[in-house]
Amino acid sequence: MNLKNLVFKPSVALFGMPMGLIGLGLNGVHYAETLQWQTSLPLWILFYGYLALLIVGVPYFIKLFQERFKQHSTNHLTKEWQSNFQISLFPSITLTLMLGCLSLWHFNWYRDWAFWGFLTVMIAHTILWFAMVSRWLFDVRIELEDLKPTWFILLSGNFVVVIAGMQMLPESWREVLWFYFSATFFIWGTLVFSLFYRLFFVSHISLRMRPTLFIFMAPPSLGTIASILLLQQATVPLSSWWFYGFATMMLLVWLYSIAEFRKSELSMVSWSYVYPLAAYGLAGQYMGDLLQQPLFWWWSGVIFILLLGFVTLLTGWLVKQAWLAVKSSPEAL
């Protein structure tokens, strides 16, 4: 195994790592503030996520510009966009960047940069949203078996627009954010039914990609938070109960089927567990804030602790793979 290929080979699939880490960091920040817990742990997780974003993002965008402006460079990233599967991973880039902007805004770090950065990424994500939906509608090559849980990353990004927008954008933007919420709610319901049909009656997810099933949980978890922020009611809105109930059902199904997930070996695909669970834990915290029910905070705490253990395990796996690469091929460095 070559360390250069392991770490620095540009691929849109690698953005799942910083997306999960920054999402977990924001989860920890909100949890610590809710319980008035004095700790720097969430900040260290965020810094880990920023570092991962630099390691993954810089080579990716350098490669992107090389392919755009050099005639003789390979078209690896172009082929990713043309792939019916990998195109569904592109929203992980805009989603991660929006989470990064939100974290900077929250801590009053470079607020002006965070604001304009968020607006820029929001526009890019919107263009990507329309481009992907158009592709799904009119590309005759796309079949039912091409529908995978990774399609839901786009919808997660749409809900993040609402969540971040409610905190970063002026009040006059509220109607725009309602557009994102309502349109995403419709597409989410359509894809949920379609994906269940595919998994039940057509074909299952391959063993290697099985961790991506957890992405099922991300949009309804984020939808829970988005509806709470938009409606600003004294109690939990009915729409939030719908979203949170669905996400909880999926989590319980996956926990019941944990033996099936254990058959999948650790890989970069395993980062698919992190962001959906972080989003679900954060949704539980918002539910607990409104209901003042300790059960939600305890449950969210359990999710956070499990994620810390799993991120530690994945980090150890990455270090091991890097060490094996150097040991077997020193010139990899």
Protein backbone atom coordinates (compact mmCIF):
# COMPACT_ATOMS: atom_id res chain seq x y z
CA MET A 1 0.00 0.00 0.00
CA ASN A 2 1.36 3.44 -0.94
CA LEU A 3 1.03 6.17 1.67
CA LYS A 4 0.73 8.78 -1.05
CA ASN A 5 -2.30 6.97 -2.47
CA LEU A 6 -3.73 6.32 0.99
CA VAL A 7 -3.69 9.91 2.22
CA PHE A 8 -3.08 12.29 -0.65
CA LYS A 9 -4.86 10.74 -3.60
CA PRO A 10 -7.60 13.28 -4.30
CA SER A 11 -11.10 11.88 -4.11
CA VAL A 12 -14.48 13.29 -3.18
CA ALA A 13 -15.06 10.18 -1.05
CA LEU A 14 -12.44 11.34 1.48
CA PHE A 15 -14.51 14.36 2.57
CA GLY A 16 -16.58 12.05 4.77
CA MET A 17 -13.78 12.22 7.36
CA PRO A 18 -13.69 16.00 8.00
CA MET A 19 -17.48 16.14 7.64
CA GLY A 20 -17.87 13.65 10.47
CA LEU A 21 -15.24 15.24 12.69
CA ILE A 22 -16.52 18.81 12.38
CA GLY A 23 -20.09 17.54 12.88
CA LEU A 24 -18.99 15.69 16.02
CA GLY A 25 -17.17 18.80 17.24
CA LEU A 26 -20.32 20.92 16.87
CA ASN A 27 -22.28 18.20 18.66
CA GLY A 28 -19.81 18.33 21.55
CA VAL A 29 -19.85 22.13 21.67
CA HIS A 30 -23.65 22.25 21.99
CA TYR A 31 -23.68 19.41 24.54
CA ALA A 32 -21.05 21.12 26.70
CA GLU A 33 -22.91 24.44 26.58
CA THR A 34 -26.23 22.79 27.43
CA LEU A 35 -24.80 21.04 30.50
CA GLN A 36 -22.42 23.93 31.32
CA TRP A 37 -19.56 21.47 31.04
CA GLN A 38 -16.17 23.20 31.12
CA THR A 39 -14.03 21.25 28.66
CA SER A 40 -11.88 21.89 25.63
CA LEU A 41 -12.55 18.43 24.15
CA PRO A 42 -15.03 19.67 21.47
CA LEU A 43 -12.48 22.29 20.36
CA TRP A 44 -9.81 19.62 19.89
CA ILE A 45 -12.26 17.58 17.83
CA LEU A 46 -12.96 20.65 15.67
CA PHE A 47 -9.24 21.28 15.18
CA TYR A 48 -8.85 17.63 14.18
CA GLY A 49 -11.64 18.16 11.67
CA TYR A 50 -10.01 21.34 10.31
CA LEU A 51 -6.72 19.46 9.88
CA ALA A 52 -8.49 16.60 8.10
CA LEU A 53 -10.22 19.13 5.84
CA LEU A 54 -6.87 20.66 4.89
CA ILE A 55 -5.26 17.27 4.24
CA VAL A 56 -8.19 16.12 2.12
CA GLY A 57 -9.26 19.41 0.55
CA VAL A 58 -6.01 21.07 -0.53
CA PRO A 59 -4.80 18.20 -2.77
CA TYR A 60 -8.34 17.81 -4.11
CA PHE A 61 -8.73 21.43 -5.23
CA ILE A 62 -5.16 21.56 -6.56
CA LYS A 63 -5.96 18.51 -8.67
CA LEU A 64 -9.26 20.07 -9.70
CA PHE A 65 -7.57 23.21 -11.02
CA GLN A 66 -4.89 21.15 -12.76
CA GLU A 67 -7.51 19.16 -14.61
CA ARG A 68 -9.41 22.32 -15.46
CA PHE A 69 -6.50 24.31 -16.88
CA LYS A 70 -3.97 21.68 -18.08
CA GLN A 71 -4.87 19.84 -21.24
CA HIS A 72 -2.62 16.84 -20.59
CA SER A 73 -3.65 16.12 -16.99
CA THR A 74 -5.78 13.12 -16.17
CA ASN A 75 -9.52 13.59 -15.76
CA HIS A 76 -9.89 11.60 -12.55
CA LEU A 77 -12.15 14.15 -10.82
CA THR A 78 -14.20 14.64 -13.98
CA LYS A 79 -14.83 10.92 -14.04
CA GLU A 80 -16.02 11.12 -10.43
CA TRP A 81 -18.60 13.71 -11.44
CA GLN A 82 -19.74 11.49 -14.32
CA SER A 83 -20.07 8.44 -12.07
CA ASN A 84 -23.65 7.71 -11.04
CA PHE A 85 -22.41 6.82 -7.55
CA GLN A 86 -19.64 9.32 -6.85
CA ILE A 87 -21.71 12.30 -7.93
CA SER A 88 -23.81 11.72 -4.82
CA LEU A 89 -20.70 12.36 -2.68
CA PHE A 90 -20.03 15.88 -3.97
CA PRO A 91 -22.44 17.56 -1.49
CA SER A 92 -20.13 16.33 1.28
CA ILE A 93 -17.72 19.09 0.18
CA THR A 94 -20.22 21.94 0.51
CA LEU A 95 -21.76 20.42 3.64
CA THR A 96 -18.35 20.21 5.34
CA LEU A 97 -17.47 23.78 4.40
CA MET A 98 -20.80 25.08 5.73
CA LEU A 99 -20.22 23.27 9.01
CA GLY A 100 -16.77 24.82 9.17
CA CYS A 101 -18.21 28.31 8.63
CA LEU A 102 -20.84 27.67 11.32
CA SER A 103 -18.18 26.60 13.82
CA LEU A 104 -16.11 29.75 13.11
CA TRP A 105 -19.23 31.90 13.53
CA HIS A 106 -20.14 30.23 16.80
CA PHE A 107 -16.79 31.02 18.41
CA ASN A 108 -16.53 34.53 16.92
CA TRP A 109 -13.51 33.45 14.90
CA TYR A 110 -13.17 35.46 11.69
CA ARG A 111 -16.92 36.18 11.67
CA ASP A 112 -16.83 38.27 8.50
CA TRP A 113 -14.98 35.52 6.66
CA ALA A 114 -17.38 32.93 8.07
CA PHE A 115 -20.43 34.90 6.93
CA TRP A 116 -19.27 35.51 3.36
CA GLY A 117 -17.79 32.05 3.19
CA PHE A 118 -21.13 30.55 4.18
CA LEU A 119 -23.01 32.61 1.59
CA THR A 120 -20.58 31.54 -1.12
CA VAL A 121 -20.77 27.86 -0.20
CA MET A 122 -24.55 28.10 0.16
CA ILE A 123 -24.81 29.35 -3.44
CA ALA A 124 -22.44 26.62 -4.63
CA HIS A 125 -24.48 24.00 -2.77
CA THR A 126 -27.70 25.29 -4.31
CA ILE A 127 -26.25 25.07 -7.82
CA LEU A 128 -25.04 21.56 -6.99
CA TRP A 129 -28.52 20.67 -5.70
CA PHE A 130 -30.23 21.71 -8.93
CA ALA A 131 -27.53 20.06 -11.08
CA MET A 132 -27.87 16.73 -9.25
CA VAL A 133 -31.67 16.69 -9.28
CA SER A 134 -31.61 17.51 -12.99
CA ARG A 135 -29.14 14.67 -13.52
CA TRP A 136 -31.33 12.22 -11.64
CA LEU A 137 -34.39 13.31 -13.62
CA PHE A 138 -33.00 13.29 -17.15
CA ASP A 139 -29.98 10.97 -17.28
CA VAL A 140 -31.31 7.79 -18.92
CA ARG A 141 -28.35 5.79 -17.59
CA ILE A 142 -29.52 6.09 -13.98
CA GLU A 143 -31.46 3.07 -12.75
CA LEU A 144 -33.07 2.12 -9.45
CA GLU A 145 -29.96 0.26 -8.34
CA ASP A 146 -27.97 3.51 -8.60
CA LEU A 147 -30.08 4.90 -5.74
CA LYS A 148 -27.94 4.63 -2.61
CA PRO A 149 -27.97 6.12 0.89
CA THR A 150 -25.26 8.57 -0.24
CA TRP A 151 -27.98 10.43 -2.19
CA PHE A 152 -29.15 11.70 1.21
CA ILE A 153 -25.94 13.71 1.71
CA LEU A 154 -27.42 16.35 -0.59
CA LEU A 155 -30.52 16.62 1.61
CA SER A 156 -28.37 16.83 4.74
CA GLY A 157 -26.63 19.81 3.15
CA ASN A 158 -29.98 21.47 2.45
CA PHE A 159 -31.01 21.16 6.09
CA VAL A 160 -27.61 22.48 7.19
CA VAL A 161 -28.33 25.57 5.06
CA VAL A 162 -31.44 26.11 7.21
CA ILE A 163 -29.68 25.40 10.53
CA ALA A 164 -26.67 27.61 9.79
CA GLY A 165 -28.81 30.23 8.07
CA MET A 166 -31.04 30.65 11.12
CA GLN A 167 -27.94 31.55 13.14
CA MET A 168 -25.89 33.49 10.57
CA LEU A 169 -28.32 35.19 8.20
CA PRO A 170 -30.59 38.22 8.84
CA GLU A 171 -34.26 37.75 9.72
CA SER A 172 -35.25 38.78 6.18
CA TRP A 173 -33.84 35.50 4.88
CA ARG A 174 -36.43 33.42 6.77
CA GLU A 175 -38.64 32.85 3.70
CA VAL A 176 -35.62 31.65 1.71
CA LEU A 177 -34.78 29.16 4.44
CA TRP A 178 -38.40 27.93 4.42
CA PHE A 179 -37.95 27.20 0.71
CA TYR A 180 -34.93 25.01 1.45
CA PHE A 181 -36.79 23.22 4.25
CA SER A 182 -40.04 22.54 2.37
CA ALA A 183 -38.40 21.46 -0.89
CA THR A 184 -35.99 19.18 0.97
CA PHE A 185 -38.83 17.66 2.99
CA PHE A 186 -40.58 16.66 -0.25
CA ILE A 187 -37.45 15.17 -1.85
CA TRP A 188 -36.57 13.35 1.38
CA GLY A 189 -39.94 11.60 1.51
CA THR A 190 -39.65 10.60 -2.15
CA LEU A 191 -36.15 9.15 -1.76
CA VAL A 192 -37.00 7.33 1.47
CA PHE A 193 -39.81 5.37 -0.17
CA SER A 194 -37.73 4.72 -3.27
CA LEU A 195 -34.69 3.51 -1.34
CA PHE A 196 -36.76 1.24 0.90
CA TYR A 197 -38.30 -0.28 -2.22
CA ARG A 198 -34.88 -0.84 -3.75
CA LEU A 199 -33.46 -2.43 -0.56
CA PHE A 200 -36.52 -4.59 0.11
CA PHE A 201 -37.35 -5.87 -3.35
CA VAL A 202 -34.57 -5.15 -5.85
CA SER A 203 -31.03 -5.38 -4.46
CA HIS A 204 -29.14 -4.91 -1.21
CA ILE A 205 -26.20 -2.65 -0.44
CA SER A 206 -22.83 -4.36 -0.94
CA LEU A 207 -20.95 -5.48 2.16
CA ARG A 208 -18.19 -2.89 1.74
CA MET A 209 -20.69 -0.02 1.44
CA ARG A 210 -22.97 -1.20 4.24
CA PRO A 211 -21.84 1.56 6.68
CA THR A 212 -23.42 4.12 4.34
CA LEU A 213 -26.83 2.87 5.47
CA PHE A 214 -26.36 5.06 8.56
CA ILE A 215 -26.64 8.10 6.27
CA PHE A 216 -30.37 7.31 6.32
CA MET A 217 -30.40 8.96 9.77
CA ALA A 218 -28.73 12.25 8.87
CA PRO A 219 -31.51 14.16 7.00
CA PRO A 220 -34.30 13.45 9.51
CA SER A 221 -31.95 14.27 12.40
CA LEU A 222 -31.02 17.60 10.81
CA GLY A 223 -34.65 18.13 9.81
CA THR A 224 -35.55 17.85 13.50
CA ILE A 225 -33.21 20.72 14.34
CA ALA A 226 -34.20 22.79 11.30
CA SER A 227 -37.92 22.63 12.10
CA ILE A 228 -37.29 23.54 15.75
CA LEU A 229 -35.26 26.59 14.72
CA LEU A 230 -37.68 27.68 12.00
CA LEU A 231 -40.88 27.34 14.02
CA GLN A 232 -39.43 28.62 17.31
CA GLN A 233 -42.23 27.14 19.39
CA ALA A 234 -42.25 26.62 23.14
CA THR A 235 -42.80 22.89 22.59
CA VAL A 236 -41.45 20.41 20.07
CA PRO A 237 -43.20 20.90 16.69
CA LEU A 238 -45.06 17.95 15.19
CA SER A 239 -42.69 17.93 12.20
CA SER A 240 -39.74 17.52 14.56
CA TRP A 241 -41.39 14.48 16.13
CA TRP A 242 -41.86 12.96 12.68
CA PHE A 243 -38.22 13.49 11.78
CA TYR A 244 -36.82 12.40 15.13
CA GLY A 245 -39.07 9.36 15.33
CA PHE A 246 -37.93 8.16 11.91
CA ALA A 247 -34.26 8.69 12.76
CA THR A 248 -34.69 6.84 16.05
CA MET A 249 -36.43 3.95 14.32
CA MET A 250 -33.56 3.64 11.82
CA LEU A 251 -30.96 3.74 14.61
CA LEU A 252 -32.75 0.99 16.52
CA VAL A 253 -32.99 -1.14 13.37
CA TRP A 254 -29.25 -0.71 12.75
CA LEU A 255 -28.45 -1.53 16.38
CA TYR A 256 -30.58 -4.65 16.15
CA SER A 257 -28.68 -5.57 12.98
CA ILE A 258 -25.24 -4.72 14.40
CA ALA A 259 -23.92 -8.16 13.47
CA GLU A 260 -24.49 -7.32 9.81
CA PHE A 261 -22.45 -4.13 10.10
CA ARG A 262 -19.62 -5.91 11.91
CA LYS A 263 -19.06 -7.94 8.75
CA SER A 264 -17.78 -4.78 7.06
CA GLU A 265 -14.11 -4.21 7.78
CA LEU A 266 -12.79 -0.81 8.79
CA SER A 267 -12.10 1.46 5.83
CA MET A 268 -12.60 5.08 4.82
CA VAL A 269 -16.23 4.13 4.20
CA SER A 270 -16.52 3.60 7.97
CA TRP A 271 -16.52 7.38 8.45
CA SER A 272 -20.12 7.11 7.21
CA TYR A 273 -21.06 6.15 10.77
CA VAL A 274 -19.78 9.36 12.34
CA TYR A 275 -21.66 12.29 10.83
CA PRO A 276 -25.18 10.72 10.90
CA LEU A 277 -24.76 9.69 14.55
CA ALA A 278 -23.39 13.14 15.44
CA ALA A 279 -26.41 14.75 13.75
CA TYR A 280 -28.77 12.38 15.57
CA GLY A 281 -27.15 13.11 18.93
CA LEU A 282 -27.43 16.85 18.31
CA ALA A 283 -31.11 16.47 17.40
CA GLY A 284 -31.67 14.72 20.72
CA GLN A 285 -30.02 17.62 22.52
CA TYR A 286 -32.39 20.11 20.88
CA MET A 287 -35.33 17.90 21.82
CA GLY A 288 -34.07 17.79 25.39
CA ASP A 289 -33.68 21.57 25.47
CA LEU A 290 -37.36 22.08 24.60
CA LEU A 291 -38.83 19.22 26.62
CA GLN A 292 -36.49 19.54 29.60
CA GLN A 293 -36.33 15.75 29.69
CA PRO A 294 -33.03 14.34 31.04
CA LEU A 295 -33.61 11.16 29.02
CA PHE A 296 -32.74 12.97 25.80
CA TRP A 297 -29.54 14.43 27.28
CA TRP A 298 -28.45 11.06 28.67
CA TRP A 299 -29.16 9.36 25.36
CA SER A 300 -27.28 12.06 23.47
CA GLY A 301 -24.39 11.67 25.91
CA VAL A 302 -24.22 7.94 25.21
CA ILE A 303 -24.13 8.64 21.47
CA PHE A 304 -21.34 11.20 21.97
CA ILE A 305 -19.21 8.81 24.05
CA LEU A 306 -19.69 6.00 21.53
CA LEU A 307 -18.64 8.34 18.73
CA LEU A 308 -15.52 9.38 20.62
CA GLY A 309 -14.56 5.73 20.95
CA PHE A 310 -15.26 5.02 17.30
CA VAL A 311 -13.33 8.07 16.05
CA THR A 312 -10.40 6.93 18.21
CA LEU A 313 -10.66 3.48 16.63
CA LEU A 314 -10.76 4.92 13.10
CA THR A 315 -7.83 7.22 13.84
CA GLY A 316 -5.84 4.25 15.10
CA TRP A 317 -6.72 2.36 11.94
CA LEU A 318 -5.48 5.28 9.78
CA VAL A 319 -2.20 5.46 11.71
CA LYS A 320 -1.76 1.71 11.35
CA GLN A 321 -2.37 1.84 7.60
CA ALA A 322 0.12 4.68 7.25
CA TRP A 323 2.72 2.78 9.27
CA LEU A 324 2.23 -0.36 7.21
CA ALA A 325 2.56 1.69 4.03
CA VAL A 326 5.85 3.23 5.18
CA LYS A 327 7.16 -0.09 6.47
CA SER A 328 6.43 -1.93 3.23
CA SER A 329 7.41 0.96 0.93
CA PRO A 330 9.60 3.67 2.54
CA GLU A 331 9.67 5.60 -0.74
CA ALA A 332 5.92 6.20 -0.27
CA LEU A 333 6.86 9.29 1.69
